[in-house]
Amino acid sequence: MDEQEFCNEVSTMNMYRFFLMTVLVFTCVIRSETLVAVAEEAPSMAGTAVSAMEPGIPLDQLELMLKPLTKTELVIEVDAWLQILKAKVKQISDAEIAVKKKNDQIAKAEEVAAAAREAGKAAEEARKARETASREGGMDTAKKAAEAAKVAEEKVAEVKKVAEEAGKAEKQTEADKAIRAATEDALKKAAEKAEETDSAHRVPAPAGGEAEVKIKLLKNITELRNERTALIDRMNVVLNELEKKGGEVEDYSKYVTAVSGIKIDVTDSAAAWTSIVGWLNSEEGGLRWVWNIAKFLLIIAAFYILSLIIGKAVEKMIGTSRRVSALLRDFLYKAVRRTVIIVGVIMALAALEINIGPVMAVIGAAGFVIAFALQGTLSNFASGIMILMYRPFDVGDIVDAGGVTGRVQSTNLVSTHIRTFDNKSMIVPNNEIWGGVITNSTGARKRRVDMVFGIGYGDDIAKAQGILEKITNDHKLVLKDPEPVIKVHELADSSVNFICRPWVKTADYWTVYWDVTRSVKEEFDRQGVSIPFPQRDVHLYREALENAER
């Protein structure tokens, strides 16, 4: 390759490299411009609140609209609704300030009128004094007329001063754009309502321009408060959705709470009365709460009736099973009823527009503390469950449990009510019952009556046994199966003891026990069989005593 060809090849490579660099630079420039355009467009797209474009959107539609939005998008929605709510609160504040200004103007006008009346009285007195002075003459009369004229001039000057102050206050009020806008808005809405209202039902406006404007302002405040309540409802929907998706809503909620409610100026009776009547008649105020309270009462009543129906159904369903004790049946009946009523109360509170979520969260957070504080009660609770599951006794059974003997009246998850035989009411904790020995005297249909009778060592054993057998066999409450057991049981210190063990129905236990005991005593006495009592023989040896005396 000669030098010329080498130079041509180098030149070609340089041109190729230049072309590639040019294309690369051009591509980078186009890409950077595209990215800049996208970056400039993205904030405007991301910063647009979708739901706030229609402040009067129904709540159910708003909930559906918010479901697909992410946490970041929901923050934008909340901020937009916050600005709308803030503007509405600003309108209410301006209108309330306008009412206070109108009160000041009315007070100044009344003060000017009072001063004018005083000035008129002073002028009349001065005129009368001059007439008296011209008619009667004399220095004293002329002096009084001059003093009266001076007082009249002072009163006129006072009227001018008060009027000037009232005029300045009115000019300042008119110069305030926010107050002027609030007043114009109230007058505009009042005019629109007057056009919509039939002349036959139109209420005459109160006398006096400023008083009429004040009444219109107060009515407009009521409407603005209704609009604010509607905005708060929608903002709460957005806040709930944001909270579900992990957003921070504490500051927003505090603001909503701060701007909610109605503040009534009790010093202004007209304003207070107008505010109360307006709130009671408004759809977002009194009417809304009347309906909420009605729903609350209806839900409570409905769930109470439903608890009775479901409780009776459960009681009837499990009542046919012999494996279910009366204690468990009573417990399930009460538990089902109380569960239904609790669900009803929660739904009724929701009808009162009370947010149940925070309440349930507080209850859950306090669960550990409550469990620690009530650990003894929880132990009784666990024992109560074990008693209901294993059924060691039932209602009406005679038991000896927890150191108490008596008939079981009722039981719950915490304690058992036992009625003793001397009619004392004993409430025994379930933990003491389950943790000790439980003796159920009526747990079976049959019971054995264990009795012991003793005769003397010199009496006829066969005769005594025949008497015992005849008494037990002749008693109509003694069962034939199993047969009674009558045997010589023990050679005691003072007697020969027989055991007498007849079988009876559980309900007849004490009747048989008392009857047989009485019959045995009577029959032993009649047939000469002795019933010995404990005795001790003492032998004295005189020789031993004499030796002891020596």
Protein backbone atom coordinates (compact mmCIF):
# COMPACT_ATOMS: atom_id res chain seq x y z
CA MET A 1 0.00 0.00 0.00
CA ASP A 2 1.48 3.34 -1.08
CA GLU A 3 1.24 6.55 0.86
CA GLN A 4 -1.66 7.93 -1.17
CA GLU A 5 -3.89 4.91 -0.52
CA PHE A 6 -3.03 4.98 3.17
CA CYS A 7 -4.03 8.63 3.40
CA ASN A 8 -7.31 7.94 1.59
CA GLU A 9 -8.15 5.06 3.98
CA VAL A 10 -7.40 7.19 7.04
CA SER A 11 -9.55 9.95 5.65
CA THR A 12 -12.43 7.52 5.07
CA MET A 13 -12.20 6.19 8.64
CA ASN A 14 -12.19 9.70 10.06
CA MET A 15 -15.30 10.59 8.07
CA TYR A 16 -17.02 7.39 9.29
CA ARG A 17 -16.13 8.23 12.91
CA PHE A 18 -17.41 11.78 12.47
CA PHE A 19 -20.67 10.49 11.07
CA LEU A 20 -21.15 8.09 14.02
CA MET A 21 -20.42 10.85 16.55
CA THR A 22 -22.92 13.16 14.83
CA VAL A 23 -25.66 10.53 14.91
CA LEU A 24 -24.93 9.75 18.59
CA VAL A 25 -25.05 13.41 19.61
CA PHE A 26 -28.29 13.97 17.69
CA THR A 27 -29.89 10.93 19.35
CA CYS A 28 -28.88 12.10 22.83
CA VAL A 29 -30.31 15.56 22.21
CA ILE A 30 -33.66 14.18 21.04
CA ARG A 31 -33.83 11.77 24.00
CA SER A 32 -33.01 14.49 26.52
CA GLU A 33 -35.70 16.77 25.08
CA THR A 34 -38.22 13.93 25.31
CA LEU A 35 -37.30 13.21 28.93
CA VAL A 36 -37.57 16.88 29.83
CA ALA A 37 -41.01 17.08 28.24
CA VAL A 38 -42.17 13.98 30.08
CA ALA A 39 -40.71 15.28 33.35
CA GLU A 40 -42.48 18.60 32.88
CA GLU A 41 -45.75 16.89 32.07
CA ALA A 42 -45.60 14.30 34.90
CA PRO A 43 -46.02 16.71 37.83
CA SER A 44 -49.03 18.31 36.22
CA MET A 45 -50.60 14.86 35.67
CA ALA A 46 -49.70 13.58 39.14
CA GLY A 47 -50.77 16.80 40.85
CA THR A 48 -54.34 16.73 39.55
CA ALA A 49 -56.96 15.65 42.09
CA VAL A 50 -59.64 13.56 40.42
CA SER A 51 -62.31 13.36 43.11
CA ALA A 52 -62.15 17.02 44.17
CA MET A 53 -63.23 18.23 40.74
CA GLU A 54 -66.83 17.58 41.79
CA PRO A 55 -67.29 18.62 45.46
CA GLY A 56 -70.88 17.38 45.53
CA ILE A 57 -70.06 13.85 44.43
CA PRO A 58 -72.12 11.17 46.26
CA LEU A 59 -70.25 9.33 48.99
CA ASP A 60 -70.67 5.87 47.47
CA GLN A 61 -69.33 7.06 44.12
CA LEU A 62 -66.43 8.75 45.87
CA GLU A 63 -65.48 5.51 47.64
CA LEU A 64 -65.44 3.64 44.32
CA MET A 65 -63.40 6.38 42.69
CA LEU A 66 -60.75 6.28 45.41
CA LYS A 67 -60.23 2.49 45.49
CA PRO A 68 -57.73 2.27 42.56
CA LEU A 69 -55.63 5.23 43.75
CA THR A 70 -52.23 4.73 45.38
CA LYS A 71 -51.09 6.32 48.61
CA THR A 72 -49.29 9.12 46.78
CA GLU A 73 -52.34 9.88 44.67
CA LEU A 74 -54.56 9.83 47.74
CA VAL A 75 -52.31 12.41 49.43
CA ILE A 76 -52.95 14.69 46.45
CA GLU A 77 -56.68 14.05 46.77
CA VAL A 78 -56.63 14.89 50.49
CA ASP A 79 -54.71 18.11 49.87
CA ALA A 80 -57.23 19.14 47.23
CA TRP A 81 -60.19 18.46 49.50
CA LEU A 82 -58.35 20.28 52.29
CA GLN A 83 -58.09 23.41 50.15
CA ILE A 84 -61.80 23.24 49.30
CA LEU A 85 -62.69 22.79 52.95
CA LYS A 86 -60.33 25.59 53.95
CA ALA A 87 -62.00 27.95 51.48
CA LYS A 88 -65.43 27.04 52.84
CA VAL A 89 -64.29 27.60 56.43
CA LYS A 90 -62.88 30.97 55.31
CA GLN A 91 -66.31 31.89 53.92
CA ILE A 92 -67.96 30.96 57.21
CA SER A 93 -65.42 32.97 59.20
CA ASP A 94 -65.90 36.01 56.94
CA ALA A 95 -69.68 35.74 57.31
CA GLU A 96 -69.40 35.46 61.11
CA ILE A 97 -67.11 38.50 61.20
CA ALA A 98 -69.63 40.35 59.03
CA VAL A 99 -72.35 39.50 61.56
CA LYS A 100 -70.24 40.92 64.38
CA LYS A 101 -69.59 44.06 62.32
CA LYS A 102 -73.31 44.38 61.70
CA ASN A 103 -73.90 44.05 65.42
CA ASP A 104 -71.44 46.90 65.98
CA GLN A 105 -73.17 49.00 63.33
CA ILE A 106 -76.59 48.31 64.83
CA ALA A 107 -75.25 49.20 68.27
CA LYS A 108 -73.75 52.45 66.91
CA ALA A 109 -77.01 53.28 65.15
CA GLU A 110 -78.91 52.73 68.38
CA GLU A 111 -76.37 54.88 70.20
CA VAL A 112 -76.81 57.67 67.61
CA ALA A 113 -80.58 57.41 67.92
CA ALA A 114 -80.38 57.55 71.72
CA ALA A 115 -78.05 60.57 71.53
CA ALA A 116 -80.40 62.24 69.06
CA ARG A 117 -83.32 61.69 71.40
CA GLU A 118 -81.33 63.21 74.26
CA ALA A 119 -80.38 66.16 72.07
CA GLY A 120 -84.03 66.65 71.09
CA LYS A 121 -85.05 66.66 74.73
CA ALA A 122 -82.30 69.19 75.55
CA ALA A 123 -83.34 71.43 72.64
CA GLU A 124 -86.98 71.28 73.79
CA GLU A 125 -85.95 72.21 77.33
CA ALA A 126 -83.83 75.10 75.96
CA ARG A 127 -86.79 76.36 73.91
CA LYS A 128 -89.07 76.25 76.93
CA ALA A 129 -86.43 78.06 79.03
CA ARG A 130 -86.16 80.84 76.41
CA GLU A 131 -89.93 81.24 76.30
CA THR A 132 -90.07 81.45 80.07
CA ALA A 133 -87.21 84.01 80.13
CA SER A 134 -88.89 86.20 77.49
CA ARG A 135 -92.20 86.01 79.28
CA GLU A 136 -91.09 86.51 82.89
CA GLY A 137 -87.80 88.33 82.48
CA GLY A 138 -85.18 88.41 85.21
CA MET A 139 -81.54 87.38 85.43
CA ASP A 140 -82.19 83.94 86.89
CA THR A 141 -84.56 82.93 84.14
CA ALA A 142 -82.19 84.16 81.44
CA LYS A 143 -79.33 82.28 83.08
CA LYS A 144 -81.33 79.03 83.12
CA ALA A 145 -82.23 79.50 79.45
CA ALA A 146 -78.54 79.97 78.59
CA GLU A 147 -77.58 76.83 80.51
CA ALA A 148 -80.32 74.84 78.75
CA ALA A 149 -79.11 76.10 75.37
CA LYS A 150 -75.55 75.11 76.25
CA VAL A 151 -76.66 71.59 77.25
CA ALA A 152 -78.57 71.31 73.96
CA GLU A 153 -75.47 72.32 72.01
CA GLU A 154 -73.40 69.70 73.88
CA LYS A 155 -75.96 67.02 73.07
CA VAL A 156 -75.95 68.00 69.41
CA ALA A 157 -72.14 67.86 69.39
CA GLU A 158 -72.29 64.41 71.01
CA VAL A 159 -74.71 63.22 68.33
CA LYS A 160 -72.36 64.46 65.60
CA LYS A 161 -69.41 62.72 67.24
CA VAL A 162 -71.22 59.38 67.59
CA ALA A 163 -72.50 59.66 64.03
CA GLU A 164 -68.98 60.31 62.75
CA GLU A 165 -67.66 57.26 64.62
CA ALA A 166 -70.46 55.12 63.21
CA GLY A 167 -69.71 56.42 59.73
CA LYS A 168 -66.02 55.60 60.08
CA ALA A 169 -66.82 52.07 61.31
CA GLU A 170 -69.20 51.57 58.40
CA LYS A 171 -66.59 52.77 55.90
CA GLN A 172 -64.01 50.41 57.39
CA THR A 173 -66.48 47.55 57.10
CA GLU A 174 -67.23 48.43 53.49
CA ALA A 175 -63.49 48.66 52.77
CA ASP A 176 -62.95 45.08 53.97
CA LYS A 177 -63.27 42.99 50.80
CA ALA A 178 -63.90 39.70 52.63
CA ILE A 179 -66.73 41.14 54.72
CA ARG A 180 -68.22 42.91 51.71
CA ALA A 181 -68.08 39.67 49.70
CA ALA A 182 -69.73 37.73 52.51
CA THR A 183 -72.50 40.32 52.78
CA GLU A 184 -73.06 40.41 49.03
CA ASP A 185 -73.16 36.61 48.91
CA ALA A 186 -75.76 36.50 51.68
CA LEU A 187 -77.91 39.14 49.98
CA LYS A 188 -77.62 37.37 46.63
CA LYS A 189 -78.71 34.01 48.10
CA ALA A 190 -81.56 35.68 49.99
CA ALA A 191 -82.76 37.29 46.73
CA GLU A 192 -82.59 33.96 44.90
CA LYS A 193 -84.61 32.25 47.62
CA ALA A 194 -87.13 35.06 47.59
CA GLU A 195 -87.64 34.55 43.86
CA GLU A 196 -88.08 30.79 44.32
CA THR A 197 -90.55 31.17 47.21
CA ASP A 198 -94.21 31.66 46.43
CA SER A 199 -95.48 35.07 47.46
CA ALA A 200 -98.26 33.48 49.54
CA HIS A 201 -95.75 31.73 51.73
CA ARG A 202 -93.15 34.47 51.83
CA VAL A 203 -92.21 35.63 55.30
CA PRO A 204 -91.98 39.42 55.68
CA ALA A 205 -88.47 40.73 56.30
CA PRO A 206 -87.81 42.35 59.64
CA ALA A 207 -87.86 46.11 59.87
CA GLY A 208 -84.58 47.94 59.58
CA GLY A 209 -81.92 47.62 56.86
CA GLU A 210 -78.98 46.54 59.01
CA ALA A 211 -81.07 44.07 61.02
CA GLU A 212 -82.39 42.57 57.77
CA VAL A 213 -78.87 42.17 56.41
CA LYS A 214 -77.80 40.54 59.67
CA ILE A 215 -80.63 37.98 59.48
CA LYS A 216 -79.68 37.17 55.90
CA LEU A 217 -76.05 36.75 56.94
CA LEU A 218 -77.04 34.36 59.72
CA LYS A 219 -79.14 32.27 57.34
CA ASN A 220 -76.27 32.20 54.86
CA ILE A 221 -73.93 31.01 57.65
CA THR A 222 -76.30 28.09 58.28
CA GLU A 223 -76.16 27.12 54.60
CA LEU A 224 -72.38 27.47 54.55
CA ARG A 225 -72.14 25.21 57.60
CA ASN A 226 -74.25 22.61 55.82
CA GLU A 227 -71.91 22.78 52.85
CA ARG A 228 -68.94 22.47 55.21
CA THR A 229 -70.48 19.35 56.80
CA ALA A 230 -70.91 17.79 53.36
CA LEU A 231 -67.28 18.57 52.51
CA ILE A 232 -66.10 17.08 55.82
CA ASP A 233 -68.03 13.87 55.07
CA ARG A 234 -66.27 13.53 51.73
CA MET A 235 -62.88 14.40 53.16
CA ASN A 236 -63.35 11.74 55.85
CA VAL A 237 -63.98 9.19 53.12
CA VAL A 238 -60.68 10.15 51.48
CA LEU A 239 -58.87 10.07 54.84
CA ASN A 240 -60.21 6.60 55.61
CA GLU A 241 -59.01 5.30 52.25
CA LEU A 242 -55.61 6.92 52.77
CA GLU A 243 -55.32 5.39 56.25
CA LYS A 244 -56.15 1.94 54.87
CA LYS A 245 -53.24 2.26 52.43
CA GLY A 246 -50.72 3.31 55.06
CA GLY A 247 -50.92 7.09 54.85
CA GLU A 248 -50.55 9.55 57.75
CA VAL A 249 -53.88 11.23 58.48
CA GLU A 250 -53.40 12.56 62.01
CA ASP A 251 -52.77 16.21 61.03
CA TYR A 252 -55.67 16.21 58.57
CA SER A 253 -58.01 14.69 61.15
CA LYS A 254 -57.03 17.29 63.74
CA TYR A 255 -57.80 20.07 61.25
CA VAL A 256 -61.19 18.53 60.41
CA THR A 257 -62.01 18.26 64.13
CA ALA A 258 -60.91 21.85 64.74
CA VAL A 259 -63.15 23.33 62.03
CA SER A 260 -66.18 21.15 62.76
CA GLY A 261 -69.10 21.97 64.99
CA ILE A 262 -71.10 25.12 65.64
CA LYS A 263 -70.11 27.98 67.90
CA ILE A 264 -73.10 29.95 69.15
CA ASP A 265 -72.74 33.50 70.47
CA VAL A 266 -74.97 33.45 73.55
CA THR A 267 -74.55 37.20 74.01
CA ASP A 268 -76.53 37.77 70.81
CA SER A 269 -79.94 36.17 71.39
CA ALA A 270 -81.17 36.82 67.84
CA ALA A 271 -78.09 35.27 66.29
CA ALA A 272 -78.18 32.30 68.67
CA TRP A 273 -81.86 31.63 67.99
CA THR A 274 -81.41 31.92 64.21
CA SER A 275 -78.39 29.57 64.30
CA ILE A 276 -80.21 26.95 66.40
CA VAL A 277 -83.39 27.04 64.30
CA GLY A 278 -81.36 26.95 61.09
CA TRP A 279 -79.33 23.97 62.28
CA LEU A 280 -82.45 22.08 63.40
CA ASN A 281 -84.13 22.60 60.02
CA SER A 282 -81.07 21.87 57.88
CA GLU A 283 -80.59 18.54 56.11
CA GLU A 284 -76.97 18.32 57.28
CA GLY A 285 -77.81 19.33 60.83
CA GLY A 286 -80.86 18.60 62.95
CA LEU A 287 -82.76 16.57 60.36
CA ARG A 288 -79.71 14.44 59.73
CA TRP A 289 -79.25 13.70 63.45
CA VAL A 290 -82.94 13.00 63.95
CA TRP A 291 -82.69 10.37 61.23
CA ASN A 292 -79.44 9.02 62.70
CA ILE A 293 -80.97 8.71 66.18
CA ALA A 294 -84.03 7.04 64.69
CA LYS A 295 -81.78 4.55 62.87
CA PHE A 296 -79.84 3.95 66.10
CA LEU A 297 -82.99 3.12 68.06
CA LEU A 298 -84.43 0.97 65.26
CA ILE A 299 -81.20 -1.02 64.93
CA ILE A 300 -81.00 -1.59 68.70
CA ALA A 301 -84.64 -2.72 68.83
CA ALA A 302 -84.25 -4.94 65.76
CA PHE A 303 -81.15 -6.67 67.09
CA TYR A 304 -82.72 -7.11 70.51
CA ILE A 305 -85.68 -8.91 68.94
CA LEU A 306 -83.28 -10.84 66.70
CA SER A 307 -81.27 -11.92 69.74
CA LEU A 308 -84.43 -13.32 71.35
CA ILE A 309 -85.34 -15.24 68.20
CA ILE A 310 -81.86 -16.66 67.64
CA GLY A 311 -81.46 -17.45 71.35
CA LYS A 312 -84.74 -19.35 71.42
CA ALA A 313 -83.78 -21.20 68.24
CA VAL A 314 -80.42 -22.24 69.72
CA GLU A 315 -82.06 -23.25 73.00
CA LYS A 316 -84.64 -25.36 71.15
CA MET A 317 -82.02 -26.92 68.89
CA ILE A 318 -79.72 -28.04 71.72
CA GLY A 319 -82.55 -28.73 74.17
CA THR A 320 -83.36 -32.05 72.51
CA SER A 321 -79.84 -33.38 73.06
CA ARG A 322 -79.33 -35.32 76.28
CA ARG A 323 -75.60 -34.80 76.04
CA VAL A 324 -75.98 -31.07 76.61
CA SER A 325 -76.34 -30.05 80.24
CA ALA A 326 -78.70 -27.36 81.46
CA LEU A 327 -75.68 -25.26 82.41
CA LEU A 328 -74.26 -25.41 78.88
CA ARG A 329 -77.68 -24.80 77.37
CA ASP A 330 -78.19 -21.70 79.52
CA PHE A 331 -74.68 -20.49 78.77
CA LEU A 332 -75.07 -20.88 75.00
CA TYR A 333 -78.44 -19.13 75.10
CA LYS A 334 -77.01 -16.12 76.93
CA ALA A 335 -73.80 -16.06 74.88
CA VAL A 336 -75.68 -16.05 71.56
CA ARG A 337 -78.03 -13.31 72.73
CA ARG A 338 -75.24 -11.11 74.03
CA THR A 339 -73.17 -11.59 70.87
CA VAL A 340 -76.07 -10.52 68.67
CA ILE A 341 -76.75 -7.50 70.89
CA ILE A 342 -73.07 -6.45 70.80
CA VAL A 343 -73.06 -6.64 67.00
CA GLY A 344 -76.23 -4.56 67.00
CA VAL A 345 -74.69 -1.91 69.26
CA ILE A 346 -71.65 -1.65 66.97
CA MET A 347 -73.86 -1.21 63.91
CA ALA A 348 -76.03 1.29 65.78
CA LEU A 349 -72.98 3.36 66.72
CA ALA A 350 -71.95 3.35 63.06
CA ALA A 351 -75.42 4.71 62.26
CA LEU A 352 -74.63 7.63 64.58
CA GLU A 353 -71.59 8.33 62.36
CA ILE A 354 -69.19 7.23 65.08
CA ASN A 355 -65.97 5.77 63.70
CA ILE A 356 -65.75 2.30 65.24
CA GLY A 357 -62.21 1.62 63.96
CA PRO A 358 -60.33 3.70 66.55
CA VAL A 359 -62.57 2.37 69.33
CA MET A 360 -61.80 -1.22 68.38
CA ALA A 361 -58.10 -0.38 68.08
CA VAL A 362 -58.07 1.08 71.59
CA ILE A 363 -59.86 -1.98 72.95
CA GLY A 364 -57.34 -4.26 71.23
CA ALA A 365 -54.38 -2.27 72.53
CA ALA A 366 -55.80 -2.33 76.05
CA GLY A 367 -56.38 -6.09 75.87
CA PHE A 368 -52.99 -6.96 77.32
CA VAL A 369 -53.37 -4.55 80.24
CA ILE A 370 -56.89 -5.78 80.93
CA ALA A 371 -55.77 -9.41 80.77
CA PHE A 372 -52.94 -8.73 83.22
CA ALA A 373 -55.20 -6.86 85.61
CA LEU A 374 -57.89 -9.54 85.46
CA GLN A 375 -55.70 -12.61 85.50
CA GLY A 376 -57.65 -14.06 88.45
CA THR A 377 -60.92 -13.52 86.61
CA LEU A 378 -59.47 -15.08 83.46
CA SER A 379 -58.47 -18.12 85.53
CA ASN A 380 -62.08 -18.41 86.68
CA PHE A 381 -63.11 -17.95 83.05
CA ALA A 382 -60.96 -20.89 81.95
CA SER A 383 -62.30 -23.02 84.82
CA GLY A 384 -65.84 -22.11 83.82
CA ILE A 385 -65.20 -23.34 80.29
CA MET A 386 -63.83 -26.63 81.66
CA ILE A 387 -66.91 -27.06 83.88
CA LEU A 388 -69.21 -26.47 80.92
CA MET A 389 -67.25 -28.91 78.74
CA TYR A 390 -66.88 -31.80 81.21
CA ARG A 391 -70.19 -31.25 83.05
CA PRO A 392 -69.31 -32.51 86.54
CA PHE A 393 -72.69 -31.22 87.74
CA ASP A 394 -75.83 -29.62 86.42
CA VAL A 395 -78.45 -27.19 87.62
CA GLY A 396 -80.38 -28.72 90.52
CA ASP A 397 -77.62 -31.15 91.54
CA ILE A 398 -76.52 -31.38 95.16
CA VAL A 399 -72.77 -30.94 95.24
CA ASP A 400 -69.90 -30.46 97.62
CA ALA A 401 -67.44 -28.22 95.76
CA GLY A 402 -65.11 -25.42 96.74
CA GLY A 403 -65.83 -26.04 100.40
CA VAL A 404 -69.58 -25.44 99.93
CA THR A 405 -72.36 -28.04 100.05
CA GLY A 406 -75.73 -27.30 98.54
CA ARG A 407 -77.90 -27.31 95.43
CA VAL A 408 -76.56 -25.72 92.22
CA GLN A 409 -78.73 -22.79 91.14
CA SER A 410 -76.79 -21.46 88.16
CA THR A 411 -73.31 -21.02 86.76
CA ASN A 412 -71.47 -18.74 84.38
CA LEU A 413 -67.94 -18.42 83.11
CA VAL A 414 -66.74 -16.75 86.30
CA SER A 415 -68.64 -18.24 89.25
CA THR A 416 -71.23 -20.78 90.36
CA HIS A 417 -74.28 -20.01 92.47
CA ILE A 418 -74.98 -22.67 95.13
CA ARG A 419 -77.93 -22.59 97.54
CA THR A 420 -77.08 -24.32 100.84
CA PHE A 421 -79.57 -26.45 102.76
CA ASP A 422 -80.09 -23.67 105.30
CA ASN A 423 -81.04 -21.38 102.38
CA LYS A 424 -77.83 -19.35 102.16
CA SER A 425 -76.80 -18.09 98.72
CA MET A 426 -73.14 -18.87 98.02
CA ILE A 427 -71.23 -17.51 95.01
CA VAL A 428 -68.18 -19.74 94.52
CA PRO A 429 -65.40 -18.82 92.02
CA ASN A 430 -65.06 -21.47 89.32
CA ASN A 431 -61.31 -21.70 89.91
CA GLU A 432 -61.90 -22.97 93.47
CA ILE A 433 -64.44 -25.52 92.24
CA TRP A 434 -62.38 -26.87 89.34
CA GLY A 435 -59.17 -26.86 91.34
CA GLY A 436 -60.57 -29.07 94.11
CA VAL A 437 -62.62 -32.22 94.60
CA ILE A 438 -66.18 -32.09 93.29
CA THR A 439 -68.67 -34.41 94.98
CA ASN A 440 -71.97 -34.71 93.13
CA SER A 441 -74.50 -36.41 95.36
CA THR A 442 -77.24 -36.42 92.73
CA GLY A 443 -75.17 -37.18 89.68
CA ALA A 444 -76.64 -40.74 89.42
CA ARG A 445 -80.22 -41.97 89.44
CA LYS A 446 -79.63 -44.48 92.27
CA ARG A 447 -77.81 -44.11 95.56
CA ARG A 448 -76.86 -46.51 98.35
CA VAL A 449 -77.85 -45.56 101.87
CA ASP A 450 -75.01 -46.50 104.23
CA MET A 451 -76.13 -47.02 107.82
CA VAL A 452 -74.48 -48.70 110.83
CA PHE A 453 -76.45 -50.21 113.77
CA GLY A 454 -74.87 -51.71 116.89
CA ILE A 455 -76.20 -54.36 119.33
CA GLY A 456 -74.86 -55.58 122.64
CA TYR A 457 -72.47 -58.48 122.91
CA GLY A 458 -75.15 -60.42 124.83
CA ASP A 459 -77.89 -59.96 122.18
CA ASP A 460 -78.94 -62.48 119.51
CA ILE A 461 -77.16 -61.69 116.23
CA ALA A 462 -79.60 -63.68 114.05
CA LYS A 463 -82.56 -61.96 115.62
CA ALA A 464 -81.06 -58.52 115.06
CA GLN A 465 -80.23 -59.35 111.44
CA GLY A 466 -83.80 -60.58 110.84
CA ILE A 467 -85.21 -57.32 112.18
CA LEU A 468 -82.97 -55.25 109.88
CA GLU A 469 -83.84 -57.36 106.83
CA LYS A 470 -87.58 -57.13 107.52
CA ILE A 471 -87.46 -53.33 107.91
CA THR A 472 -85.53 -52.76 104.68
CA ASN A 473 -87.54 -55.28 102.64
CA ASP A 474 -90.87 -53.86 103.83
CA HIS A 475 -90.00 -50.24 103.01
CA LYS A 476 -91.73 -49.27 99.77
CA LEU A 477 -88.96 -46.87 98.63
CA VAL A 478 -86.14 -49.42 98.93
CA LEU A 479 -85.22 -50.91 95.54
CA LYS A 480 -85.22 -54.66 95.02
CA ASP A 481 -82.38 -54.42 92.50
CA PRO A 482 -79.68 -54.11 93.67
CA GLU A 483 -80.58 -56.04 96.80
CA PRO A 484 -79.94 -54.52 100.24
CA VAL A 485 -76.74 -55.61 102.00
CA ILE A 486 -77.10 -56.42 105.75
CA LYS A 487 -74.04 -58.01 107.38
CA VAL A 488 -72.19 -58.19 110.68
CA HIS A 489 -69.42 -55.73 109.97
CA GLU A 490 -67.39 -55.06 113.08
CA LEU A 491 -66.80 -56.17 116.66
CA ALA A 492 -66.37 -52.78 118.22
CA ASP A 493 -65.31 -51.84 121.75
CA SER A 494 -68.84 -51.63 123.08
CA SER A 495 -71.05 -53.20 120.40
CA VAL A 496 -71.42 -55.64 117.55
CA ASN A 497 -72.00 -53.43 114.48
CA PHE A 498 -74.19 -54.30 111.48
CA ILE A 499 -74.00 -52.53 108.14
CA CYS A 500 -77.35 -51.87 106.48
CA ARG A 501 -77.02 -50.72 102.84
CA PRO A 502 -80.27 -50.52 100.87
CA TRP A 503 -80.43 -48.97 97.35
CA VAL A 504 -82.88 -46.16 96.65
CA LYS A 505 -83.62 -43.51 94.06
CA THR A 506 -81.51 -40.43 94.56
CA ALA A 507 -84.50 -38.28 95.42
CA ASP A 508 -85.56 -40.75 98.16
CA TYR A 509 -82.20 -40.92 99.91
CA TRP A 510 -82.96 -38.93 103.05
CA THR A 511 -86.51 -40.24 103.35
CA VAL A 512 -85.28 -43.85 103.51
CA TYR A 513 -82.38 -42.92 105.80
CA TRP A 514 -84.64 -41.29 108.36
CA ASP A 515 -87.43 -43.89 108.12
CA VAL A 516 -85.13 -46.92 108.53
CA THR A 517 -83.26 -45.32 111.45
CA ARG A 518 -86.51 -44.63 113.31
CA SER A 519 -87.96 -48.08 112.57
CA VAL A 520 -84.80 -49.89 113.77
CA LYS A 521 -84.85 -48.07 117.10
CA GLU A 522 -88.53 -48.78 117.67
CA GLU A 523 -88.25 -52.45 116.64
CA PHE A 524 -85.11 -53.09 118.75
CA ASP A 525 -86.86 -51.66 121.80
CA ARG A 526 -89.99 -53.72 121.15
CA GLN A 527 -88.07 -57.03 120.81
CA GLY A 528 -85.57 -56.39 123.61
CA VAL A 529 -82.46 -55.87 121.49
CA SER A 530 -80.19 -53.40 123.21
CA ILE A 531 -78.34 -50.59 121.54
CA PRO A 532 -75.20 -50.18 123.64
CA PHE A 533 -73.39 -46.96 124.25
CA PRO A 534 -69.66 -46.53 124.86
CA GLN A 535 -68.68 -47.48 128.44
CA ARG A 536 -65.52 -48.12 130.45
CA ASP A 537 -64.99 -50.44 133.46
CA VAL A 538 -62.78 -49.10 136.27
CA HIS A 539 -61.30 -51.67 138.75
CA LEU A 540 -60.02 -50.43 142.14
CA TYR A 541 -57.56 -52.50 144.18
CA ARG A 542 -57.63 -51.54 147.86
CA GLU A 543 -54.29 -53.19 148.62
CA ALA A 544 -52.59 -51.03 146.06
CA LEU A 545 -54.15 -47.92 147.59
CA GLU A 546 -53.02 -48.85 151.11
CA ASN A 547 -49.49 -49.43 149.93
CA ALA A 548 -49.60 -46.10 148.21
CA GLU A 549 -50.69 -44.37 151.43
CA ARG A 550 -47.78 -45.88 153.35
